[in-house]
Amino acid sequence: MHDTLWMCTTGLNQMTAGTHMKTTAVAARAVWSAVAGASLILLCLGLGQKLYVGSVPDAFTRDQAGNTLILAGAAAGFAAAGWSRYRGDRVWMTSLVAVPAVVIGGLNLVAGYSLLPHLSALVAVPLGLAGIIGGMTARLR
């Protein structure tokens, strides 16, 4: 009798702990996806600040704000990629999350006053979005 009662309570505790662990993993995954999504948004906002046609009276200020946003987006993208690898996501998910930070941030450093960062965003942002979707829908372990 005592053994049966003990097994029932142990099973209940394990079930509760498993449910708690899964809820915690879902919350961590939601925070990760918010960080990764924010990195893409910051990168795109930075590129939007740096894109203008013709003469603009406050071009230096806009470039400075755009560079700061791109730097913040790249840092958040690298943080999300590192967190993705730490969580145990597959390598392709981690690399896809890091692609926008590497490509857009790197091209902004090397060729910031050209359209190369903007053109590369046409490929890098969808790849980053695919990595975020893959990381959100991956099976919880």
N, C-alpha and C. Protein backbone atom coordinates (compact mmCIF):
# COMPACT_ATOMS: atom_id res chain seq x y z
N MET A 1 0.83 -1.19 0.00
CA MET A 1 0.00 0.00 0.00
C MET A 1 0.87 1.25 0.00
N HIS A 2 1.86 1.24 0.87
CA HIS A 2 2.74 2.39 0.96
C HIS A 2 3.52 2.59 -0.35
N ASP A 3 3.97 1.49 -0.97
CA ASP A 3 4.70 1.57 -2.23
C ASP A 3 3.81 2.12 -3.35
N THR A 4 2.56 1.71 -3.38
CA THR A 4 1.65 2.18 -4.41
C THR A 4 1.38 3.67 -4.26
N LEU A 5 1.20 4.14 -3.02
CA LEU A 5 0.98 5.55 -2.77
C LEU A 5 2.21 6.36 -3.16
N TRP A 6 3.38 5.83 -2.84
CA TRP A 6 4.61 6.52 -3.18
C TRP A 6 4.78 6.63 -4.69
N MET A 7 4.46 5.56 -5.41
CA MET A 7 4.59 5.58 -6.87
C MET A 7 3.61 6.56 -7.49
N CYS A 8 2.41 6.67 -6.94
CA CYS A 8 1.43 7.61 -7.48
C CYS A 8 1.89 9.05 -7.27
N THR A 9 2.39 9.37 -6.08
CA THR A 9 2.84 10.74 -5.83
C THR A 9 4.10 11.05 -6.63
N THR A 10 4.99 10.08 -6.80
CA THR A 10 6.19 10.30 -7.59
C THR A 10 5.82 10.56 -9.05
N GLY A 11 4.91 9.78 -9.57
CA GLY A 11 4.45 9.99 -10.94
C GLY A 11 3.80 11.34 -11.11
N LEU A 12 3.04 11.79 -10.13
CA LEU A 12 2.41 13.11 -10.19
C LEU A 12 3.46 14.20 -10.16
N ASN A 13 4.46 14.06 -9.31
CA ASN A 13 5.53 15.06 -9.25
C ASN A 13 6.31 15.11 -10.56
N GLN A 14 6.58 13.94 -11.15
CA GLN A 14 7.30 13.93 -12.41
C GLN A 14 6.47 14.55 -13.52
N MET A 15 5.17 14.31 -13.51
CA MET A 15 4.31 14.89 -14.53
C MET A 15 4.26 16.40 -14.36
N THR A 16 4.15 16.88 -13.14
CA THR A 16 4.12 18.32 -12.89
C THR A 16 5.44 18.96 -13.28
N ALA A 17 6.55 18.30 -12.94
CA ALA A 17 7.86 18.85 -13.29
C ALA A 17 8.03 18.86 -14.81
N GLY A 18 7.59 17.83 -15.50
CA GLY A 18 7.69 17.79 -16.95
C GLY A 18 6.86 18.88 -17.61
N THR A 19 5.67 19.12 -17.08
CA THR A 19 4.82 20.18 -17.61
C THR A 19 5.46 21.54 -17.38
N HIS A 20 6.05 21.71 -16.19
CA HIS A 20 6.71 22.98 -15.87
C HIS A 20 7.91 23.19 -16.80
N MET A 21 8.67 22.13 -17.04
CA MET A 21 9.83 22.24 -17.91
C MET A 21 9.42 22.61 -19.33
N LYS A 22 8.34 22.02 -19.81
CA LYS A 22 7.88 22.31 -21.16
C LYS A 22 7.38 23.75 -21.26
N THR A 23 6.67 24.23 -20.23
CA THR A 23 6.20 25.61 -20.21
C THR A 23 7.38 26.57 -20.18
N THR A 24 8.41 26.25 -19.41
CA THR A 24 9.60 27.09 -19.36
C THR A 24 10.31 27.10 -20.71
N ALA A 25 10.37 25.95 -21.37
CA ALA A 25 11.01 25.88 -22.69
C ALA A 25 10.23 26.69 -23.72
N VAL A 26 8.92 26.67 -23.63
CA VAL A 26 8.10 27.45 -24.57
C VAL A 26 8.31 28.95 -24.32
N ALA A 27 8.39 29.35 -23.07
CA ALA A 27 8.62 30.76 -22.76
C ALA A 27 10.01 31.20 -23.23
N ALA A 28 11.01 30.35 -23.02
CA ALA A 28 12.36 30.68 -23.49
C ALA A 28 12.40 30.76 -25.00
N ARG A 29 11.69 29.89 -25.68
CA ARG A 29 11.64 29.91 -27.14
C ARG A 29 10.95 31.19 -27.62
N ALA A 30 9.92 31.64 -26.91
CA ALA A 30 9.23 32.87 -27.29
C ALA A 30 10.15 34.08 -27.13
N VAL A 31 10.92 34.10 -26.04
CA VAL A 31 11.86 35.20 -25.82
C VAL A 31 12.95 35.17 -26.89
N TRP A 32 13.44 33.97 -27.22
CA TRP A 32 14.46 33.85 -28.26
C TRP A 32 13.93 34.37 -29.59
N SER A 33 12.71 33.98 -29.94
CA SER A 33 12.16 34.43 -31.23
C SER A 33 11.94 35.94 -31.23
N ALA A 34 11.63 36.53 -30.06
CA ALA A 34 11.48 37.98 -29.99
C ALA A 34 12.83 38.68 -30.20
N VAL A 35 13.89 38.13 -29.62
CA VAL A 35 15.23 38.71 -29.81
C VAL A 35 15.65 38.58 -31.27
N ALA A 36 15.45 37.41 -31.86
CA ALA A 36 15.83 37.20 -33.25
C ALA A 36 15.00 38.07 -34.19
N GLY A 37 13.71 38.20 -33.92
CA GLY A 37 12.86 39.07 -34.73
C GLY A 37 13.24 40.53 -34.58
N ALA A 38 13.59 40.93 -33.35
CA ALA A 38 14.00 42.32 -33.13
C ALA A 38 15.29 42.63 -33.88
N SER A 39 16.17 41.64 -34.00
CA SER A 39 17.41 41.89 -34.75
C SER A 39 17.10 42.18 -36.23
N LEU A 40 16.17 41.42 -36.81
CA LEU A 40 15.80 41.69 -38.20
C LEU A 40 15.14 43.06 -38.35
N ILE A 41 14.30 43.40 -37.40
CA ILE A 41 13.62 44.70 -37.46
C ILE A 41 14.63 45.83 -37.35
N LEU A 42 15.59 45.71 -36.42
CA LEU A 42 16.60 46.75 -36.26
C LEU A 42 17.47 46.88 -37.50
N LEU A 43 17.83 45.75 -38.10
CA LEU A 43 18.62 45.80 -39.33
C LEU A 43 17.87 46.52 -40.44
N CYS A 44 16.59 46.19 -40.60
CA CYS A 44 15.80 46.82 -41.66
C CYS A 44 15.55 48.30 -41.39
N LEU A 45 15.34 48.66 -40.14
CA LEU A 45 15.17 50.08 -39.81
C LEU A 45 16.46 50.86 -40.08
N GLY A 46 17.59 50.24 -39.76
CA GLY A 46 18.87 50.89 -40.03
C GLY A 46 19.10 51.09 -41.52
N LEU A 47 18.76 50.07 -42.30
CA LEU A 47 18.89 50.23 -43.75
C LEU A 47 17.95 51.30 -44.29
N GLY A 48 16.77 51.39 -43.71
CA GLY A 48 15.83 52.43 -44.12
C GLY A 48 16.34 53.83 -43.81
N GLN A 49 17.06 53.98 -42.71
CA GLN A 49 17.64 55.29 -42.37
C GLN A 49 18.74 55.68 -43.34
N LYS A 50 19.45 54.69 -43.84
CA LYS A 50 20.59 54.97 -44.71
C LYS A 50 20.22 55.10 -46.18
N LEU A 51 18.99 54.80 -46.54
CA LEU A 51 18.57 54.86 -47.94
C LEU A 51 17.85 56.18 -48.20
N TYR A 52 18.46 57.00 -48.99
CA TYR A 52 17.80 58.23 -49.43
C TYR A 52 18.33 58.58 -50.81
N VAL A 53 17.49 59.25 -51.56
CA VAL A 53 17.83 59.62 -52.93
C VAL A 53 17.90 61.14 -52.98
N GLY A 54 18.95 61.65 -53.58
CA GLY A 54 19.10 63.09 -53.69
C GLY A 54 19.82 63.64 -52.47
N SER A 55 19.74 64.95 -52.32
CA SER A 55 20.41 65.59 -51.20
C SER A 55 19.43 65.70 -50.02
N VAL A 56 19.94 65.37 -48.87
CA VAL A 56 19.16 65.42 -47.64
C VAL A 56 19.92 66.34 -46.69
N PRO A 57 19.24 67.30 -46.05
CA PRO A 57 19.96 68.25 -45.20
C PRO A 57 20.64 67.59 -43.99
N ASP A 58 20.06 66.54 -43.46
CA ASP A 58 20.64 65.91 -42.27
C ASP A 58 21.19 64.52 -42.59
N ALA A 59 21.93 64.42 -43.69
CA ALA A 59 22.43 63.12 -44.16
C ALA A 59 23.37 62.49 -43.15
N PHE A 60 24.25 63.25 -42.53
CA PHE A 60 25.20 62.70 -41.58
C PHE A 60 24.47 62.12 -40.36
N THR A 61 23.47 62.81 -39.89
CA THR A 61 22.70 62.34 -38.73
C THR A 61 21.94 61.06 -39.08
N ARG A 62 21.36 61.03 -40.27
CA ARG A 62 20.64 59.82 -40.70
C ARG A 62 21.58 58.64 -40.86
N ASP A 63 22.75 58.88 -41.44
CA ASP A 63 23.73 57.80 -41.58
C ASP A 63 24.19 57.29 -40.22
N GLN A 64 24.41 58.20 -39.31
CA GLN A 64 24.84 57.81 -37.97
C GLN A 64 23.76 56.99 -37.27
N ALA A 65 22.51 57.42 -37.37
CA ALA A 65 21.41 56.66 -36.76
C ALA A 65 21.25 55.31 -37.43
N GLY A 66 21.38 55.26 -38.75
CA GLY A 66 21.27 53.99 -39.47
C GLY A 66 22.38 53.03 -39.10
N ASN A 67 23.61 53.54 -38.99
CA ASN A 67 24.73 52.69 -38.59
C ASN A 67 24.53 52.14 -37.18
N THR A 68 24.01 52.97 -36.29
CA THR A 68 23.77 52.52 -34.91
C THR A 68 22.70 51.43 -34.88
N LEU A 69 21.63 51.61 -35.65
CA LEU A 69 20.58 50.59 -35.70
C LEU A 69 21.09 49.29 -36.31
N ILE A 70 21.90 49.39 -37.35
CA ILE A 70 22.45 48.18 -37.97
C ILE A 70 23.39 47.47 -37.01
N LEU A 71 24.20 48.23 -36.29
CA LEU A 71 25.09 47.62 -35.30
C LEU A 71 24.31 46.93 -34.19
N ALA A 72 23.25 47.57 -33.72
CA ALA A 72 22.41 46.95 -32.68
C ALA A 72 21.72 45.70 -33.20
N GLY A 73 21.24 45.75 -34.44
CA GLY A 73 20.59 44.59 -35.04
C GLY A 73 21.57 43.44 -35.25
N ALA A 74 22.80 43.76 -35.65
CA ALA A 74 23.80 42.72 -35.84
C ALA A 74 24.18 42.09 -34.50
N ALA A 75 24.31 42.91 -33.46
CA ALA A 75 24.63 42.37 -32.14
C ALA A 75 23.51 41.47 -31.62
N ALA A 76 22.27 41.90 -31.82
CA ALA A 76 21.14 41.07 -31.40
C ALA A 76 21.06 39.79 -32.23
N GLY A 77 21.40 39.87 -33.51
CA GLY A 77 21.40 38.68 -34.37
C GLY A 77 22.46 37.68 -33.94
N PHE A 78 23.66 38.18 -33.60
CA PHE A 78 24.70 37.28 -33.10
C PHE A 78 24.32 36.67 -31.76
N ALA A 79 23.68 37.46 -30.91
CA ALA A 79 23.23 36.93 -29.61
C ALA A 79 22.16 35.85 -29.82
N ALA A 80 21.24 36.08 -30.74
CA ALA A 80 20.20 35.09 -31.01
C ALA A 80 20.79 33.82 -31.62
N ALA A 81 21.80 33.97 -32.47
CA ALA A 81 22.44 32.79 -33.07
C ALA A 81 23.20 32.00 -32.00
N GLY A 82 23.89 32.70 -31.12
CA GLY A 82 24.59 32.00 -30.04
C GLY A 82 23.63 31.30 -29.10
N TRP A 83 22.52 31.95 -28.80
CA TRP A 83 21.51 31.35 -27.94
C TRP A 83 20.88 30.14 -28.63
N SER A 84 20.68 30.25 -29.93
CA SER A 84 20.12 29.13 -30.68
C SER A 84 21.05 27.91 -30.60
N ARG A 85 22.33 28.13 -30.73
CA ARG A 85 23.27 27.02 -30.65
C ARG A 85 23.33 26.47 -29.24
N TYR A 86 23.26 27.35 -28.25
CA TYR A 86 23.27 26.92 -26.85
C TYR A 86 22.04 26.07 -26.52
N ARG A 87 20.91 26.42 -27.13
CA ARG A 87 19.68 25.65 -26.91
C ARG A 87 19.74 24.27 -27.54
N GLY A 88 20.68 24.07 -28.44
CA GLY A 88 20.80 22.78 -29.10
C GLY A 88 20.07 22.70 -30.41
N ASP A 89 19.75 23.86 -31.00
CA ASP A 89 19.12 23.84 -32.31
C ASP A 89 20.10 23.31 -33.34
N ARG A 90 19.57 22.88 -34.45
CA ARG A 90 20.42 22.37 -35.52
C ARG A 90 21.30 23.48 -36.08
N VAL A 91 22.39 23.06 -36.68
CA VAL A 91 23.37 24.03 -37.18
C VAL A 91 22.78 24.89 -38.29
N TRP A 92 21.93 24.33 -39.13
CA TRP A 92 21.36 25.13 -40.22
C TRP A 92 20.46 26.22 -39.68
N MET A 93 19.74 25.95 -38.58
CA MET A 93 18.90 27.00 -37.98
C MET A 93 19.76 28.13 -37.42
N THR A 94 20.80 27.73 -36.71
CA THR A 94 21.69 28.72 -36.11
C THR A 94 22.37 29.57 -37.18
N SER A 95 22.83 28.94 -38.25
CA SER A 95 23.50 29.70 -39.30
C SER A 95 22.53 30.61 -40.05
N LEU A 96 21.31 30.16 -40.26
CA LEU A 96 20.33 31.02 -40.93
C LEU A 96 19.97 32.23 -40.08
N VAL A 97 19.94 32.07 -38.77
CA VAL A 97 19.65 33.21 -37.89
C VAL A 97 20.81 34.21 -37.94
N ALA A 98 22.04 33.70 -38.11
CA ALA A 98 23.21 34.58 -38.11
C ALA A 98 23.47 35.25 -39.46
N VAL A 99 22.88 34.74 -40.54
CA VAL A 99 23.16 35.26 -41.88
C VAL A 99 22.89 36.76 -42.01
N PRO A 100 21.74 37.30 -41.57
CA PRO A 100 21.53 38.74 -41.74
C PRO A 100 22.54 39.59 -40.98
N ALA A 101 22.92 39.16 -39.79
CA ALA A 101 23.89 39.93 -39.01
C ALA A 101 25.25 39.94 -39.69
N VAL A 102 25.66 38.79 -40.20
CA VAL A 102 26.97 38.69 -40.86
C VAL A 102 26.97 39.46 -42.18
N VAL A 103 25.97 39.24 -43.00
CA VAL A 103 25.97 39.81 -44.34
C VAL A 103 25.68 41.31 -44.30
N ILE A 104 24.59 41.70 -43.68
CA ILE A 104 24.22 43.13 -43.69
C ILE A 104 25.18 43.94 -42.82
N GLY A 105 25.48 43.43 -41.63
CA GLY A 105 26.41 44.14 -40.77
C GLY A 105 27.80 44.22 -41.37
N GLY A 106 28.26 43.12 -41.96
CA GLY A 106 29.59 43.12 -42.56
C GLY A 106 29.68 44.03 -43.77
N LEU A 107 28.68 43.97 -44.63
CA LEU A 107 28.70 44.86 -45.80
C LEU A 107 28.53 46.32 -45.41
N ASN A 108 27.83 46.59 -44.33
CA ASN A 108 27.70 47.96 -43.87
C ASN A 108 29.05 48.49 -43.38
N LEU A 109 29.85 47.62 -42.76
CA LEU A 109 31.17 48.05 -42.32
C LEU A 109 32.12 48.25 -43.51
N VAL A 110 32.05 47.35 -44.49
CA VAL A 110 32.99 47.39 -45.61
C VAL A 110 32.56 48.40 -46.67
N ALA A 111 31.30 48.38 -47.05
CA ALA A 111 30.81 49.24 -48.13
C ALA A 111 29.54 49.95 -47.68
N GLY A 112 29.65 50.73 -46.62
CA GLY A 112 28.48 51.36 -46.02
C GLY A 112 27.81 52.41 -46.87
N TYR A 113 28.56 53.03 -47.78
CA TYR A 113 27.99 54.12 -48.58
C TYR A 113 27.57 53.66 -49.97
N SER A 114 27.33 52.36 -50.12
CA SER A 114 26.84 51.84 -51.39
C SER A 114 25.50 51.15 -51.15
N LEU A 115 24.95 50.60 -52.21
CA LEU A 115 23.68 49.88 -52.09
C LEU A 115 23.87 48.40 -51.80
N LEU A 116 25.10 47.93 -51.61
CA LEU A 116 25.33 46.52 -51.36
C LEU A 116 24.62 46.00 -50.10
N PRO A 117 24.65 46.73 -48.98
CA PRO A 117 23.90 46.21 -47.81
C PRO A 117 22.40 46.11 -48.09
N HIS A 118 21.87 47.05 -48.85
CA HIS A 118 20.44 47.03 -49.16
C HIS A 118 20.08 45.88 -50.09
N LEU A 119 20.92 45.65 -51.08
CA LEU A 119 20.66 44.56 -52.02
C LEU A 119 20.85 43.20 -51.35
N SER A 120 21.82 43.11 -50.46
CA SER A 120 22.03 41.83 -49.77
C SER A 120 20.88 41.53 -48.80
N ALA A 121 20.22 42.57 -48.35
CA ALA A 121 19.08 42.36 -47.44
C ALA A 121 17.93 41.64 -48.14
N LEU A 122 17.87 41.78 -49.46
CA LEU A 122 16.81 41.08 -50.20
C LEU A 122 16.94 39.57 -50.09
N VAL A 123 18.15 39.08 -49.86
CA VAL A 123 18.38 37.64 -49.71
C VAL A 123 18.53 37.27 -48.24
N ALA A 124 19.25 38.11 -47.48
CA ALA A 124 19.60 37.76 -46.10
C ALA A 124 18.40 37.78 -45.15
N VAL A 125 17.51 38.73 -45.31
CA VAL A 125 16.36 38.82 -44.39
C VAL A 125 15.41 37.63 -44.54
N PRO A 126 15.05 37.20 -45.75
CA PRO A 126 14.23 35.98 -45.83
C PRO A 126 14.92 34.74 -45.26
N LEU A 127 16.24 34.65 -45.44
CA LEU A 127 16.96 33.51 -44.85
C LEU A 127 16.91 33.57 -43.32
N GLY A 128 17.09 34.77 -42.77
CA GLY A 128 16.99 34.92 -41.32
C GLY A 128 15.59 34.60 -40.81
N LEU A 129 14.59 35.00 -41.56
CA LEU A 129 13.21 34.69 -41.19
C LEU A 129 12.97 33.19 -41.23
N ALA A 130 13.55 32.50 -42.20
CA ALA A 130 13.42 31.05 -42.26
C ALA A 130 14.09 30.39 -41.06
N GLY A 131 15.22 30.92 -40.63
CA GLY A 131 15.87 30.39 -39.43
C GLY A 131 15.05 30.61 -38.18
N ILE A 132 14.40 31.76 -38.08
CA ILE A 132 13.54 32.04 -36.91
C ILE A 132 12.34 31.10 -36.91
N ILE A 133 11.72 30.92 -38.05
CA ILE A 133 10.58 30.00 -38.12
C ILE A 133 11.01 28.58 -37.79
N GLY A 134 12.17 28.18 -38.31
CA GLY A 134 12.69 26.85 -37.97
C GLY A 134 12.97 26.69 -36.49
N GLY A 135 13.49 27.73 -35.87
CA GLY A 135 13.76 27.67 -34.44
C GLY A 135 12.51 27.68 -33.59
N MET A 136 11.46 28.34 -34.07
CA MET A 136 10.22 28.37 -33.30
C MET A 136 9.44 27.06 -33.43
N THR A 137 9.53 26.43 -34.58
CA THR A 137 8.72 25.23 -34.80
C THR A 137 9.47 23.93 -34.54
N ALA A 138 10.74 24.04 -34.16
CA ALA A 138 11.50 22.81 -33.86
C ALA A 138 10.89 22.11 -32.64
N ARG A 139 11.00 20.81 -32.65
CA ARG A 139 10.41 20.01 -31.58
C ARG A 139 11.10 20.31 -30.26
N LEU A 140 10.30 20.49 -29.22
CA LEU A 140 10.86 20.72 -27.88
C LEU A 140 11.46 19.42 -27.36
N ARG A 141 12.61 19.53 -26.75
CA ARG A 141 13.25 18.32 -26.21
C ARG A 141 13.10 18.26 -24.72
